[in-house]
Amino acid sequence: MSLIVALLGAECTGKSTLTQALGQRLADLPAATVPEHLRHWCLSQDRTPRRLEQAHIAAEQQRQIQCAAAAHPVVVADTTALMTALYSVHYFDDPSLMLGALQSQRGVALTLLCAPDGIPWQADGWLRDGEATRQRTHAELADLLHAHRLPHETLRGALPDRLTQAEAWIRRRLASPGPG
């Protein structure tokens, strides 16, 4: 059984950079990394998704995580279907993906919530909404994790600090497997 680690967070909180860095740091295990499917989808379609495209994006993210878990002892995922579900509520007032996303999230061994603190917001031209949206999304995500009693650790500070924290939590979890 694989240890699945999920990096969750609002836009521009270091998830993609941390996912790649953790994959390198944990190469001795070996660890697989799963990129954010939403980003790939937006870049390949040259636009953001519409409401009815959200379910496919969430399902594909989960499929990629499960495929990696079938072949590797540790999987570090740059987000899960929970972020897509939260964005569906945020942008489309559509909670239809939330129940399935919450159930999938319960299968994650270690959820790392990437806080905005310590990571400067950067515009990318079209995928990112801004600092206010980043702060609001972070608060909504933290509230969601707490409301549904989903265990998580919060990463703060500069990227090198987050990398050190995340690696320590992952290696601790591997040393003492068990619930939450």
N, C-alpha and C. Protein backbone atom coordinates (compact mmCIF):
# COMPACT_ATOMS: atom_id res chain seq x y z
N MET A 1 0.84 -1.18 0.00
CA MET A 1 0.00 0.00 0.00
C MET A 1 0.89 1.24 0.00
N SER A 2 0.55 2.18 -0.85
CA SER A 2 1.34 3.40 -0.99
C SER A 2 0.96 4.46 0.05
N LEU A 3 1.94 5.26 0.36
CA LEU A 3 1.70 6.45 1.16
C LEU A 3 1.42 7.58 0.19
N ILE A 4 0.20 8.09 0.20
CA ILE A 4 -0.17 9.19 -0.68
C ILE A 4 -0.09 10.49 0.11
N VAL A 5 0.69 11.41 -0.42
CA VAL A 5 0.86 12.74 0.16
C VAL A 5 0.24 13.73 -0.81
N ALA A 6 -0.66 14.58 -0.32
CA ALA A 6 -1.31 15.57 -1.18
C ALA A 6 -0.93 16.96 -0.73
N LEU A 7 -0.49 17.76 -1.68
CA LEU A 7 -0.23 19.17 -1.42
C LEU A 7 -1.46 19.94 -1.88
N LEU A 8 -2.12 20.59 -0.96
CA LEU A 8 -3.31 21.39 -1.26
C LEU A 8 -3.01 22.84 -0.96
N GLY A 9 -3.67 23.72 -1.68
CA GLY A 9 -3.51 25.14 -1.40
C GLY A 9 -4.06 25.97 -2.53
N ALA A 10 -4.22 27.22 -2.24
CA ALA A 10 -4.70 28.18 -3.23
C ALA A 10 -3.64 28.38 -4.30
N GLU A 11 -3.98 29.15 -5.29
CA GLU A 11 -3.02 29.48 -6.36
C GLU A 11 -1.77 30.12 -5.78
N CYS A 12 -0.66 29.83 -6.39
CA CYS A 12 0.61 30.49 -6.06
C CYS A 12 0.99 30.32 -4.59
N THR A 13 0.92 29.06 -4.12
CA THR A 13 1.37 28.77 -2.75
C THR A 13 2.50 27.75 -2.74
N GLY A 14 3.11 27.51 -3.89
CA GLY A 14 4.29 26.66 -3.95
C GLY A 14 4.04 25.18 -4.16
N LYS A 15 2.81 24.77 -4.45
CA LYS A 15 2.50 23.35 -4.57
C LYS A 15 3.31 22.65 -5.66
N SER A 16 3.36 23.22 -6.84
CA SER A 16 4.05 22.57 -7.95
C SER A 16 5.56 22.49 -7.70
N THR A 17 6.12 23.56 -7.22
CA THR A 17 7.56 23.59 -6.92
C THR A 17 7.89 22.58 -5.83
N LEU A 18 7.07 22.53 -4.79
CA LEU A 18 7.30 21.58 -3.70
C LEU A 18 7.14 20.14 -4.16
N THR A 19 6.16 19.89 -4.99
CA THR A 19 5.95 18.53 -5.49
C THR A 19 7.21 18.04 -6.20
N GLN A 20 7.74 18.85 -7.09
CA GLN A 20 8.95 18.47 -7.83
C GLN A 20 10.14 18.29 -6.89
N ALA A 21 10.31 19.22 -5.96
CA ALA A 21 11.44 19.16 -5.03
C ALA A 21 11.34 17.93 -4.12
N LEU A 22 10.13 17.62 -3.68
CA LEU A 22 9.96 16.44 -2.83
C LEU A 22 10.24 15.16 -3.61
N GLY A 23 9.85 15.13 -4.86
CA GLY A 23 10.16 13.97 -5.68
C GLY A 23 11.66 13.71 -5.75
N GLN A 24 12.44 14.78 -5.86
CA GLN A 24 13.90 14.64 -5.89
C GLN A 24 14.45 14.24 -4.53
N ARG A 25 13.94 14.89 -3.49
CA ARG A 25 14.43 14.60 -2.13
C ARG A 25 14.09 13.18 -1.68
N LEU A 26 13.00 12.65 -2.18
CA LEU A 26 12.53 11.33 -1.74
C LEU A 26 12.84 10.24 -2.76
N ALA A 27 13.78 10.50 -3.64
CA ALA A 27 14.13 9.55 -4.70
C ALA A 27 14.60 8.21 -4.14
N ASP A 28 15.13 8.20 -2.91
CA ASP A 28 15.61 6.97 -2.30
C ASP A 28 14.48 6.01 -1.95
N LEU A 29 13.23 6.46 -1.95
CA LEU A 29 12.13 5.61 -1.50
C LEU A 29 11.64 4.59 -2.53
N PRO A 30 11.48 4.73 -3.74
CA PRO A 30 11.37 5.93 -4.56
C PRO A 30 9.97 6.52 -4.49
N ALA A 31 9.89 7.81 -4.72
CA ALA A 31 8.60 8.51 -4.71
C ALA A 31 8.24 8.93 -6.13
N ALA A 32 6.96 8.83 -6.42
CA ALA A 32 6.44 9.32 -7.69
C ALA A 32 5.77 10.66 -7.43
N THR A 33 5.80 11.53 -8.42
CA THR A 33 5.09 12.79 -8.30
C THR A 33 3.97 12.83 -9.34
N VAL A 34 2.87 13.45 -8.95
CA VAL A 34 1.72 13.61 -9.84
C VAL A 34 1.47 15.10 -9.98
N PRO A 35 1.62 15.63 -11.19
CA PRO A 35 1.40 17.07 -11.38
C PRO A 35 -0.08 17.42 -11.32
N GLU A 36 -0.34 18.69 -11.25
CA GLU A 36 -1.72 19.19 -11.23
C GLU A 36 -2.34 19.05 -12.63
N HIS A 37 -3.36 18.22 -12.73
CA HIS A 37 -3.99 18.01 -14.03
C HIS A 37 -4.69 19.28 -14.52
N LEU A 38 -5.27 20.06 -13.63
CA LEU A 38 -5.95 21.29 -14.03
C LEU A 38 -5.02 22.22 -14.81
N ARG A 39 -3.81 22.38 -14.33
CA ARG A 39 -2.83 23.25 -15.02
C ARG A 39 -2.55 22.71 -16.42
N HIS A 40 -2.30 21.40 -16.51
CA HIS A 40 -2.06 20.79 -17.82
C HIS A 40 -3.26 21.00 -18.74
N TRP A 41 -4.45 20.80 -18.21
CA TRP A 41 -5.66 20.96 -19.01
C TRP A 41 -5.78 22.39 -19.53
N CYS A 42 -5.60 23.37 -18.65
CA CYS A 42 -5.72 24.78 -19.06
C CYS A 42 -4.69 25.14 -20.13
N LEU A 43 -3.47 24.67 -19.96
CA LEU A 43 -2.44 24.97 -20.94
C LEU A 43 -2.73 24.29 -22.28
N SER A 44 -3.21 23.05 -22.24
CA SER A 44 -3.48 22.35 -23.50
C SER A 44 -4.71 22.89 -24.22
N GLN A 45 -5.68 23.42 -23.47
CA GLN A 45 -6.91 23.96 -24.06
C GLN A 45 -6.81 25.47 -24.29
N ASP A 46 -5.78 26.09 -23.73
CA ASP A 46 -5.57 27.54 -23.83
C ASP A 46 -6.75 28.33 -23.26
N ARG A 47 -7.30 27.81 -22.16
CA ARG A 47 -8.41 28.49 -21.48
C ARG A 47 -8.65 27.81 -20.14
N THR A 48 -9.47 28.42 -19.32
CA THR A 48 -9.88 27.80 -18.08
C THR A 48 -11.12 26.94 -18.35
N PRO A 49 -11.37 25.94 -17.50
CA PRO A 49 -12.49 25.04 -17.77
C PRO A 49 -13.86 25.66 -17.49
N ARG A 50 -14.82 25.10 -18.15
CA ARG A 50 -16.22 25.45 -17.91
C ARG A 50 -16.77 24.53 -16.83
N ARG A 51 -17.93 24.87 -16.34
CA ARG A 51 -18.56 24.12 -15.26
C ARG A 51 -18.62 22.63 -15.56
N LEU A 52 -19.10 22.26 -16.72
CA LEU A 52 -19.31 20.85 -17.03
C LEU A 52 -18.00 20.09 -17.29
N GLU A 53 -16.90 20.78 -17.35
CA GLU A 53 -15.60 20.13 -17.56
C GLU A 53 -14.88 19.82 -16.24
N GLN A 54 -15.40 20.35 -15.16
CA GLN A 54 -14.76 20.18 -13.85
C GLN A 54 -14.72 18.72 -13.40
N ALA A 55 -15.80 17.98 -13.60
CA ALA A 55 -15.86 16.58 -13.13
C ALA A 55 -14.77 15.75 -13.79
N HIS A 56 -14.58 15.93 -15.08
CA HIS A 56 -13.54 15.18 -15.79
C HIS A 56 -12.15 15.52 -15.23
N ILE A 57 -11.91 16.78 -14.97
CA ILE A 57 -10.61 17.22 -14.46
C ILE A 57 -10.36 16.61 -13.08
N ALA A 58 -11.36 16.63 -12.21
CA ALA A 58 -11.22 16.04 -10.87
C ALA A 58 -10.97 14.53 -10.97
N ALA A 59 -11.74 13.86 -11.82
CA ALA A 59 -11.59 12.41 -11.97
C ALA A 59 -10.22 12.05 -12.53
N GLU A 60 -9.73 12.83 -13.48
CA GLU A 60 -8.42 12.55 -14.05
C GLU A 60 -7.30 12.75 -13.03
N GLN A 61 -7.43 13.77 -12.19
CA GLN A 61 -6.43 13.98 -11.13
C GLN A 61 -6.37 12.76 -10.23
N GLN A 62 -7.54 12.28 -9.82
CA GLN A 62 -7.59 11.11 -8.94
C GLN A 62 -7.08 9.86 -9.65
N ARG A 63 -7.39 9.70 -10.93
CA ARG A 63 -6.92 8.55 -11.69
C ARG A 63 -5.39 8.53 -11.74
N GLN A 64 -4.80 9.68 -11.99
CA GLN A 64 -3.34 9.76 -12.05
C GLN A 64 -2.70 9.43 -10.69
N ILE A 65 -3.32 9.88 -9.63
CA ILE A 65 -2.80 9.57 -8.29
C ILE A 65 -2.87 8.07 -8.04
N GLN A 66 -3.99 7.45 -8.37
CA GLN A 66 -4.15 6.01 -8.14
C GLN A 66 -3.20 5.19 -9.00
N CYS A 67 -2.98 5.61 -10.24
CA CYS A 67 -2.01 4.90 -11.10
C CYS A 67 -0.61 4.98 -10.51
N ALA A 68 -0.22 6.14 -10.03
CA ALA A 68 1.10 6.28 -9.40
C ALA A 68 1.19 5.44 -8.13
N ALA A 69 0.12 5.39 -7.36
CA ALA A 69 0.11 4.62 -6.12
C ALA A 69 0.22 3.12 -6.38
N ALA A 70 -0.27 2.67 -7.52
CA ALA A 70 -0.19 1.25 -7.86
C ALA A 70 1.24 0.82 -8.16
N ALA A 71 2.11 1.78 -8.47
CA ALA A 71 3.46 1.43 -8.89
C ALA A 71 4.57 1.96 -7.99
N HIS A 72 4.23 2.77 -6.98
CA HIS A 72 5.27 3.39 -6.15
C HIS A 72 4.88 3.35 -4.67
N PRO A 73 5.86 3.22 -3.78
CA PRO A 73 5.55 3.19 -2.35
C PRO A 73 5.15 4.55 -1.79
N VAL A 74 5.58 5.63 -2.43
CA VAL A 74 5.24 6.99 -1.99
C VAL A 74 4.81 7.79 -3.22
N VAL A 75 3.71 8.51 -3.07
CA VAL A 75 3.21 9.37 -4.13
C VAL A 75 3.03 10.77 -3.55
N VAL A 76 3.60 11.76 -4.23
CA VAL A 76 3.40 13.15 -3.84
C VAL A 76 2.57 13.80 -4.95
N ALA A 77 1.38 14.23 -4.59
CA ALA A 77 0.44 14.77 -5.58
C ALA A 77 0.31 16.28 -5.42
N ASP A 78 0.49 16.96 -6.53
CA ASP A 78 0.27 18.40 -6.60
C ASP A 78 -1.23 18.61 -6.75
N THR A 79 -1.91 18.52 -5.66
CA THR A 79 -3.35 18.73 -5.50
C THR A 79 -4.14 17.43 -5.70
N THR A 80 -5.42 17.51 -5.34
CA THR A 80 -6.36 16.38 -5.49
C THR A 80 -7.67 16.93 -6.03
N ALA A 81 -8.62 16.03 -6.19
CA ALA A 81 -9.95 16.43 -6.66
C ALA A 81 -10.61 17.42 -5.70
N LEU A 82 -10.16 17.48 -4.46
CA LEU A 82 -10.76 18.41 -3.50
C LEU A 82 -10.58 19.86 -3.95
N MET A 83 -9.45 20.18 -4.54
CA MET A 83 -9.26 21.56 -5.02
C MET A 83 -10.19 21.85 -6.19
N THR A 84 -10.36 20.90 -7.09
CA THR A 84 -11.27 21.10 -8.21
C THR A 84 -12.69 21.29 -7.70
N ALA A 85 -13.08 20.50 -6.72
CA ALA A 85 -14.42 20.64 -6.13
C ALA A 85 -14.60 22.00 -5.48
N LEU A 86 -13.58 22.45 -4.76
CA LEU A 86 -13.65 23.77 -4.13
C LEU A 86 -13.75 24.87 -5.18
N TYR A 87 -12.97 24.76 -6.26
CA TYR A 87 -13.06 25.74 -7.34
C TYR A 87 -14.43 25.69 -8.02
N SER A 88 -15.03 24.52 -8.10
CA SER A 88 -16.37 24.42 -8.69
C SER A 88 -17.39 25.17 -7.85
N VAL A 89 -17.24 25.09 -6.55
CA VAL A 89 -18.13 25.86 -5.67
C VAL A 89 -17.83 27.35 -5.83
N HIS A 90 -16.56 27.68 -5.80
CA HIS A 90 -16.12 29.08 -5.84
C HIS A 90 -16.53 29.78 -7.14
N TYR A 91 -16.26 29.16 -8.28
CA TYR A 91 -16.48 29.81 -9.57
C TYR A 91 -17.86 29.56 -10.19
N PHE A 92 -18.45 28.40 -9.88
CA PHE A 92 -19.69 28.02 -10.55
C PHE A 92 -20.86 27.79 -9.60
N ASP A 93 -20.63 28.01 -8.29
CA ASP A 93 -21.67 27.75 -7.30
C ASP A 93 -22.22 26.33 -7.45
N ASP A 94 -21.29 25.39 -7.70
CA ASP A 94 -21.65 24.00 -7.97
C ASP A 94 -20.98 23.08 -6.96
N PRO A 95 -21.73 22.60 -5.97
CA PRO A 95 -21.16 21.71 -4.96
C PRO A 95 -21.21 20.22 -5.34
N SER A 96 -21.58 19.89 -6.57
CA SER A 96 -21.83 18.50 -6.95
C SER A 96 -20.60 17.59 -6.86
N LEU A 97 -19.42 18.13 -6.93
CA LEU A 97 -18.20 17.31 -6.87
C LEU A 97 -17.67 17.13 -5.45
N MET A 98 -18.23 17.86 -4.51
CA MET A 98 -17.64 17.92 -3.18
C MET A 98 -17.68 16.58 -2.43
N LEU A 99 -18.80 15.90 -2.42
CA LEU A 99 -18.91 14.66 -1.66
C LEU A 99 -17.88 13.63 -2.12
N GLY A 100 -17.78 13.41 -3.42
CA GLY A 100 -16.80 12.46 -3.94
C GLY A 100 -15.37 12.89 -3.65
N ALA A 101 -15.12 14.19 -3.74
CA ALA A 101 -13.77 14.70 -3.48
C ALA A 101 -13.40 14.51 -2.01
N LEU A 102 -14.34 14.75 -1.12
CA LEU A 102 -14.08 14.54 0.30
C LEU A 102 -13.80 13.07 0.60
N GLN A 103 -14.56 12.18 -0.03
CA GLN A 103 -14.33 10.74 0.16
C GLN A 103 -12.94 10.35 -0.34
N SER A 104 -12.56 10.85 -1.50
CA SER A 104 -11.22 10.55 -2.03
C SER A 104 -10.13 11.10 -1.12
N GLN A 105 -10.35 12.29 -0.58
CA GLN A 105 -9.35 12.91 0.28
C GLN A 105 -9.11 12.08 1.54
N ARG A 106 -10.11 11.38 1.99
CA ARG A 106 -9.94 10.53 3.18
C ARG A 106 -8.96 9.39 2.92
N GLY A 107 -8.69 9.07 1.66
CA GLY A 107 -7.72 8.05 1.32
C GLY A 107 -6.29 8.56 1.26
N VAL A 108 -6.10 9.84 1.48
CA VAL A 108 -4.77 10.44 1.47
C VAL A 108 -4.15 10.26 2.86
N ALA A 109 -2.93 9.74 2.90
CA ALA A 109 -2.27 9.49 4.18
C ALA A 109 -1.78 10.77 4.86
N LEU A 110 -1.35 11.73 4.05
CA LEU A 110 -0.80 12.97 4.61
C LEU A 110 -1.19 14.13 3.70
N THR A 111 -1.98 15.04 4.24
CA THR A 111 -2.37 16.23 3.51
C THR A 111 -1.55 17.40 4.03
N LEU A 112 -0.88 18.07 3.11
CA LEU A 112 -0.08 19.24 3.46
C LEU A 112 -0.74 20.47 2.86
N LEU A 113 -1.21 21.35 3.72
CA LEU A 113 -1.88 22.58 3.31
C LEU A 113 -0.84 23.68 3.14
N CYS A 114 -0.72 24.16 1.92
CA CYS A 114 0.26 25.21 1.61
C CYS A 114 -0.38 26.57 1.84
N ALA A 115 0.06 27.24 2.89
CA ALA A 115 -0.47 28.57 3.21
C ALA A 115 0.19 29.63 2.33
N PRO A 116 -0.48 30.75 2.12
CA PRO A 116 0.11 31.82 1.33
C PRO A 116 1.30 32.51 2.01
N ASP A 117 1.38 32.43 3.35
CA ASP A 117 2.43 33.11 4.11
C ASP A 117 3.82 32.71 3.62
N GLY A 118 4.62 33.69 3.25
CA GLY A 118 6.00 33.42 2.88
C GLY A 118 6.23 33.18 1.39
N ILE A 119 5.17 33.12 0.61
CA ILE A 119 5.29 32.92 -0.84
C ILE A 119 4.67 34.15 -1.51
N PRO A 120 5.46 34.95 -2.19
CA PRO A 120 4.89 36.12 -2.85
C PRO A 120 3.96 35.70 -4.00
N TRP A 121 2.84 36.40 -4.12
CA TRP A 121 1.92 36.13 -5.22
C TRP A 121 2.52 36.65 -6.51
N GLN A 122 2.39 35.87 -7.58
CA GLN A 122 2.91 36.29 -8.88
C GLN A 122 1.83 36.06 -9.94
N ALA A 123 1.61 37.06 -10.74
CA ALA A 123 0.69 36.91 -11.87
C ALA A 123 1.34 36.01 -12.91
N ASP A 124 0.51 35.21 -13.58
CA ASP A 124 1.04 34.37 -14.65
C ASP A 124 0.41 34.70 -15.99
N GLY A 125 -0.40 35.73 -16.03
CA GLY A 125 -0.99 36.15 -17.29
C GLY A 125 -2.45 35.83 -17.44
N TRP A 126 -2.88 34.63 -16.93
CA TRP A 126 -4.30 34.31 -17.13
C TRP A 126 -4.87 33.25 -16.20
N LEU A 127 -4.06 32.42 -15.56
CA LEU A 127 -4.60 31.38 -14.69
C LEU A 127 -4.83 31.85 -13.26
N ARG A 128 -4.15 32.87 -12.84
CA ARG A 128 -4.23 33.28 -11.43
C ARG A 128 -5.08 34.53 -11.29
N ASP A 129 -5.88 34.55 -10.22
CA ASP A 129 -6.83 35.64 -10.02
C ASP A 129 -6.31 36.80 -9.20
N GLY A 130 -5.40 36.56 -8.28
CA GLY A 130 -4.88 37.65 -7.48
C GLY A 130 -4.75 37.29 -6.01
N GLU A 131 -4.09 38.18 -5.29
CA GLU A 131 -3.82 37.95 -3.87
C GLU A 131 -5.10 37.79 -3.05
N ALA A 132 -6.13 38.60 -3.32
CA ALA A 132 -7.37 38.51 -2.54
C ALA A 132 -8.03 37.14 -2.73
N THR A 133 -8.03 36.66 -3.96
CA THR A 133 -8.61 35.34 -4.23
C THR A 133 -7.77 34.25 -3.57
N ARG A 134 -6.46 34.42 -3.61
CA ARG A 134 -5.58 33.44 -2.97
C ARG A 134 -5.87 33.35 -1.48
N GLN A 135 -6.00 34.49 -0.81
CA GLN A 135 -6.29 34.50 0.62
C GLN A 135 -7.66 33.89 0.92
N ARG A 136 -8.66 34.26 0.12
CA ARG A 136 -10.02 33.74 0.33
C ARG A 136 -10.06 32.23 0.10
N THR A 137 -9.40 31.76 -0.95
CA THR A 137 -9.38 30.33 -1.24
C THR A 137 -8.68 29.56 -0.13
N HIS A 138 -7.59 30.11 0.38
CA HIS A 138 -6.89 29.44 1.49
C HIS A 138 -7.81 29.32 2.70
N ALA A 139 -8.50 30.39 3.04
CA ALA A 139 -9.41 30.36 4.19
C ALA A 139 -10.54 29.34 3.96
N GLU A 140 -11.10 29.31 2.76
CA GLU A 140 -12.16 28.35 2.45
C GLU A 140 -11.65 26.92 2.56
N LEU A 141 -10.45 26.68 2.06
CA LEU A 141 -9.88 25.34 2.11
C LEU A 141 -9.58 24.91 3.54
N ALA A 142 -9.00 25.80 4.32
CA ALA A 142 -8.71 25.48 5.73
C ALA A 142 -10.01 25.19 6.47
N ASP A 143 -11.04 26.00 6.24
CA ASP A 143 -12.35 25.77 6.87
C ASP A 143 -12.93 24.42 6.46
N LEU A 144 -12.79 24.08 5.19
CA LEU A 144 -13.31 22.81 4.67
C LEU A 144 -12.60 21.63 5.32
N LEU A 145 -11.29 21.69 5.40
CA LEU A 145 -10.53 20.61 6.04
C LEU A 145 -10.93 20.44 7.50
N HIS A 146 -11.09 21.55 8.21
CA HIS A 146 -11.50 21.49 9.62
C HIS A 146 -12.93 20.99 9.77
N ALA A 147 -13.84 21.51 8.96
CA ALA A 147 -15.26 21.14 9.07
C ALA A 147 -15.47 19.64 8.83
N HIS A 148 -14.66 19.06 7.97
CA HIS A 148 -14.82 17.63 7.64
C HIS A 148 -13.79 16.77 8.36
N ARG A 149 -13.11 17.37 9.31
CA ARG A 149 -12.15 16.67 10.16
C ARG A 149 -11.13 15.87 9.35
N LEU A 150 -10.62 16.53 8.32
CA LEU A 150 -9.58 15.93 7.50
C LEU A 150 -8.22 16.34 8.07
N PRO A 151 -7.48 15.38 8.60
CA PRO A 151 -6.18 15.71 9.19
C PRO A 151 -5.25 16.33 8.16
N HIS A 152 -4.49 17.32 8.60
CA HIS A 152 -3.54 17.98 7.71
C HIS A 152 -2.48 18.71 8.52
N GLU A 153 -1.40 18.99 7.86
CA GLU A 153 -0.34 19.82 8.41
C GLU A 153 -0.24 21.05 7.53
N THR A 154 0.08 22.19 8.12
CA THR A 154 0.16 23.43 7.35
C THR A 154 1.62 23.82 7.13
N LEU A 155 1.93 24.09 5.87
CA LEU A 155 3.27 24.54 5.49
C LEU A 155 3.26 26.05 5.37
N ARG A 156 4.22 26.70 6.04
CA ARG A 156 4.37 28.16 5.98
C ARG A 156 5.83 28.49 5.76
N GLY A 157 6.05 29.73 5.37
CA GLY A 157 7.43 30.20 5.22
C GLY A 157 7.91 30.08 3.79
N ALA A 158 9.19 30.32 3.62
CA ALA A 158 9.80 30.26 2.29
C ALA A 158 9.87 28.82 1.81
N LEU A 159 10.04 28.65 0.52
CA LEU A 159 10.05 27.31 -0.07
C LEU A 159 11.06 26.36 0.56
N PRO A 160 12.31 26.79 0.85
CA PRO A 160 13.25 25.85 1.49
C PRO A 160 12.74 25.35 2.85
N ASP A 161 12.09 26.24 3.62
CA ASP A 161 11.53 25.84 4.91
C ASP A 161 10.39 24.84 4.72
N ARG A 162 9.55 25.09 3.73
CA ARG A 162 8.42 24.19 3.46
C ARG A 162 8.94 22.81 3.03
N LEU A 163 9.97 22.80 2.22
CA LEU A 163 10.53 21.54 1.76
C LEU A 163 11.05 20.72 2.95
N THR A 164 11.75 21.37 3.84
CA THR A 164 12.28 20.70 5.03
C THR A 164 11.15 20.16 5.89
N GLN A 165 10.13 21.00 6.13
CA GLN A 165 8.97 20.57 6.94
C GLN A 165 8.27 19.37 6.30
N ALA A 166 7.99 19.48 5.01
CA ALA A 166 7.25 18.44 4.31
C ALA A 166 8.02 17.12 4.32
N GLU A 167 9.30 17.18 4.01
CA GLU A 167 10.10 15.95 4.00
C GLU A 167 10.10 15.30 5.38
N ALA A 168 10.22 16.10 6.43
CA ALA A 168 10.22 15.56 7.79
C ALA A 168 8.90 14.87 8.10
N TRP A 169 7.78 15.50 7.76
CA TRP A 169 6.47 14.89 8.02
C TRP A 169 6.31 13.59 7.24
N ILE A 170 6.76 13.57 6.00
CA ILE A 170 6.64 12.36 5.18
C ILE A 170 7.49 11.24 5.76
N ARG A 171 8.73 11.53 6.10
CA ARG A 171 9.61 10.48 6.63
C ARG A 171 9.13 10.00 8.00
N ARG A 172 8.57 10.90 8.80
CA ARG A 172 7.98 10.48 10.09
C ARG A 172 6.80 9.54 9.86
N ARG A 173 5.96 9.89 8.89
CA ARG A 173 4.79 9.05 8.60
C ARG A 173 5.23 7.68 8.11
N LEU A 174 6.27 7.63 7.31
CA LEU A 174 6.77 6.35 6.83
C LEU A 174 7.35 5.50 7.96
N ALA A 175 7.96 6.16 8.93
CA ALA A 175 8.57 5.46 10.07
C ALA A 175 7.53 4.92 11.02
N SER A 176 6.37 5.54 11.08
CA SER A 176 5.30 5.11 11.99
C SER A 176 3.97 5.13 11.27
N PRO A 177 3.76 4.19 10.35
CA PRO A 177 2.51 4.18 9.60
C PRO A 177 1.32 3.95 10.52
N GLY A 178 0.22 4.43 10.10
CA GLY A 178 -1.01 4.27 10.89
C GLY A 178 -1.96 5.39 10.52
N PRO A 179 -3.13 5.38 11.10
CA PRO A 179 -4.12 6.39 10.76
C PRO A 179 -3.71 7.78 11.22
N GLY A 180 -4.18 8.78 10.42
CA GLY A 180 -4.09 10.20 10.69
C GLY A 180 -2.89 10.67 11.31
